[in-house]
Every structure is written in C-alpha cells, then in structure tokens.
Amino acid sequence: MDAKITLSFNADVIDSAKEFAEKHNMSLSRLTEYLYSKLTKSHFYSLEDLPLTDWVNMVSEGQAEYVITRKTKAAQKKEFYESGKKKKK
C-alpha cells in the first residue's frame, strides 16, 4: 500500500534528483522510496556513515549540510527502550 507525504527541498536539488531518476527510468517518488528503504534497513551510527552522502553531494552539486543535535546517553537509552515498546504493540 502506498502512502503520500509532502516534503520540501531546495529547488535545484529536486531538479537534479528528477534528472537522476529519469536517467534511471524511475519516478522521483520511487527513487525517494528506494533511498528511504536503504536507509531504514541498515544501521548507521551517524548521517556521515550513510552511503547516500556521495549521491546527495552529487545531486546537490555541493557539500551536504546536516544539522545534528547530539543526544545524551540517557536520552539515547530512553529512545531505544521506547522504540522497543512501540514495536511490541
């Protein structure tokens, strides 16, 4: 089942992503779905570990900038345990 979402990106990034998707015979929606699928099926310790970073840099024609807020170990632990509770429901 497909679900719809609304995202906002820099217009230049969208144009480049559309070109990339078209060259690979897929829609921008399916490309985005593919990237999210790869992202959520792997365990990364930081955004810089993502194999998508090079692709994002290529598409955006510039260095990707990530805004990261560091979490305390207590906050990470709480988030971990709460995520397990949600999966069991």
C-alpha atoms as a PDB file:
ATOM      1  CA  MET A   1       0.000   0.000   0.000  1.00  0.00           C
ATOM      2  CA  ASP A   2       1.360   3.403  -0.922  1.00  0.00           C
ATOM      3  CA  ALA A   3       1.115   6.408   1.387  1.00  0.00           C
ATOM      4  CA  LYS A   4       1.519  10.038   0.404  1.00  0.00           C
ATOM      5  CA  ILE A   5       3.814  12.526   2.134  1.00  0.00           C
ATOM      6  CA  THR A   6       4.783  16.112   1.491  1.00  0.00           C
ATOM      7  CA  LEU A   7       8.453  17.079   1.541  1.00  0.00           C
ATOM      8  CA  SER A   8      10.234  20.371   0.938  1.00  0.00           C
ATOM      9  CA  PHE A   9      13.644  20.529  -0.741  1.00  0.00           C
ATOM     10  CA  ASN A  10      15.818  23.101  -2.421  1.00  0.00           C
ATOM     11  CA  ALA A  11      14.508  23.509  -5.987  1.00  0.00           C
ATOM     12  CA  ASP A  12      17.940  22.820  -7.509  1.00  0.00           C
ATOM     13  CA  VAL A  13      18.182  19.549  -5.582  1.00  0.00           C
ATOM     14  CA  ILE A  14      14.751  18.494  -6.833  1.00  0.00           C
ATOM     15  CA  ASP A  15      15.640  19.314 -10.436  1.00  0.00           C
ATOM     16  CA  SER A  16      18.868  17.308 -10.214  1.00  0.00           C
ATOM     17  CA  ALA A  17      17.100  14.416  -8.480  1.00  0.00           C
ATOM     18  CA  LYS A  18      14.412  14.369 -11.184  1.00  0.00           C
ATOM     19  CA  GLU A  19      17.096  14.184 -13.870  1.00  0.00           C
ATOM     20  CA  PHE A  20      18.840  11.376 -11.992  1.00  0.00           C
ATOM     21  CA  ALA A  21      15.588   9.444 -11.603  1.00  0.00           C
ATOM     22  CA  GLU A  22      14.696   9.922 -15.255  1.00  0.00           C
ATOM     23  CA  LYS A  23      18.113   8.640 -16.371  1.00  0.00           C
ATOM     24  CA  HIS A  24      17.438   5.520 -14.319  1.00  0.00           C
ATOM     25  CA  ASN A  25      13.888   5.081 -15.650  1.00  0.00           C
ATOM     26  CA  MET A  26      12.110   5.684 -12.374  1.00  0.00           C
ATOM     27  CA  SER A  27       9.904   8.324 -10.839  1.00  0.00           C
ATOM     28  CA  LEU A  28      11.175  10.699  -8.197  1.00  0.00           C
ATOM     29  CA  SER A  29       8.740   9.060  -5.765  1.00  0.00           C
ATOM     30  CA  ARG A  30      10.213   5.598  -6.368  1.00  0.00           C
ATOM     31  CA  LEU A  31      13.750   6.964  -6.103  1.00  0.00           C
ATOM     32  CA  THR A  32      12.888   8.553  -2.761  1.00  0.00           C
ATOM     33  CA  GLU A  33      11.229   5.322  -1.605  1.00  0.00           C
ATOM     34  CA  TYR A  34      14.324   3.352  -2.629  1.00  0.00           C
ATOM     35  CA  LEU A  35      16.610   5.697  -0.693  1.00  0.00           C
ATOM     36  CA  TYR A  36      14.419   5.530   2.422  1.00  0.00           C
ATOM     37  CA  SER A  37      14.329   1.748   2.111  1.00  0.00           C
ATOM     38  CA  LYS A  38      18.135   1.544   2.022  1.00  0.00           C
ATOM     39  CA  LEU A  39      18.374   3.986   4.896  1.00  0.00           C
ATOM     40  CA  THR A  40      15.993   2.149   7.206  1.00  0.00           C
ATOM     41  CA  LYS A  41      17.237  -1.386   6.502  1.00  0.00           C
ATOM     42  CA  SER A  42      20.757  -0.620   7.711  1.00  0.00           C
ATOM     43  CA  HIS A  43      22.158   0.558  10.997  1.00  0.00           C
ATOM     44  CA  PHE A  44      24.217   3.708  10.757  1.00  0.00           C
ATOM     45  CA  TYR A  45      25.879   5.482  13.664  1.00  0.00           C
ATOM     46  CA  SER A  46      25.738   8.919  12.045  1.00  0.00           C
ATOM     47  CA  LEU A  47      24.484  10.626   8.904  1.00  0.00           C
ATOM     48  CA  GLU A  48      28.045  10.756   7.598  1.00  0.00           C
ATOM     49  CA  ASP A  49      28.091   6.920   7.546  1.00  0.00           C
ATOM     50  CA  LEU A  50      25.270   6.804   5.022  1.00  0.00           C
ATOM     51  CA  PRO A  51      26.276   5.569   1.591  1.00  0.00           C
ATOM     52  CA  LEU A  52      23.862   8.189   0.273  1.00  0.00           C
ATOM     53  CA  THR A  53      26.140  11.074   1.240  1.00  0.00           C
ATOM     54  CA  ASP A  54      28.111  10.907  -2.016  1.00  0.00           C
ATOM     55  CA  TRP A  55      24.887  10.733  -4.015  1.00  0.00           C
ATOM     56  CA  VAL A  56      23.406  13.702  -2.166  1.00  0.00           C
ATOM     57  CA  ASN A  57      26.585  15.672  -2.813  1.00  0.00           C
ATOM     58  CA  MET A  58      26.475  14.762  -6.496  1.00  0.00           C
ATOM     59  CA  VAL A  59      22.810  15.671  -6.901  1.00  0.00           C
ATOM     60  CA  SER A  60      23.027  18.905  -4.950  1.00  0.00           C
ATOM     61  CA  GLU A  61      26.266  19.886  -6.685  1.00  0.00           C
ATOM     62  CA  GLY A  62      27.710  20.903  -3.362  1.00  0.00           C
ATOM     63  CA  GLN A  63      28.534  19.684   0.095  1.00  0.00           C
ATOM     64  CA  ALA A  64      25.529  18.369   2.014  1.00  0.00           C
ATOM     65  CA  GLU A  65      24.995  20.110   5.333  1.00  0.00           C
ATOM     66  CA  TYR A  66      23.431  18.172   8.170  1.00  0.00           C
ATOM     67  CA  VAL A  67      22.068  19.814  11.286  1.00  0.00           C
ATOM     68  CA  ILE A  68      22.694  17.386  14.104  1.00  0.00           C
ATOM     69  CA  THR A  69      21.642  17.709  17.693  1.00  0.00           C
ATOM     70  CA  ARG A  70      23.654  15.453  19.939  1.00  0.00           C
ATOM     71  CA  LYS A  71      21.693  13.332  22.401  1.00  0.00           C
ATOM     72  CA  THR A  72      22.889  12.400  25.833  1.00  0.00           C
ATOM     73  CA  LYS A  73      23.443   8.731  26.576  1.00  0.00           C
ATOM     74  CA  ALA A  74      20.411   8.825  28.868  1.00  0.00           C
ATOM     75  CA  ALA A  75      18.241  10.227  26.053  1.00  0.00           C
ATOM     76  CA  GLN A  76      19.558   7.610  23.599  1.00  0.00           C
ATOM     77  CA  LYS A  77      18.860   4.828  26.092  1.00  0.00           C
ATOM     78  CA  LYS A  78      15.327   6.098  26.722  1.00  0.00           C
ATOM     79  CA  GLU A  79      14.653   6.357  22.977  1.00  0.00           C
ATOM     80  CA  PHE A  80      15.971   2.820  22.448  1.00  0.00           C
ATOM     81  CA  TYR A  81      13.749   1.290  25.117  1.00  0.00           C
ATOM     82  CA  GLU A  82      10.695   3.250  23.987  1.00  0.00           C
ATOM     83  CA  SER A  83      11.185   2.124  20.381  1.00  0.00           C
ATOM     84  CA  GLY A  84      11.096  -1.493  21.543  1.00  0.00           C
ATOM     85  CA  LYS A  85       7.839  -0.910  23.361  1.00  0.00           C
ATOM     86  CA  LYS A  86       6.233   0.548  20.224  1.00  0.00           C
ATOM     87  CA  LYS A  87       7.228  -2.457  18.113  1.00  0.00           C
ATOM     88  CA  LYS A  88       5.607  -4.898  20.536  1.00  0.00           C
ATOM     89  CA  LYS A  89       2.204  -3.217  20.293  1.00  0.00           C
END
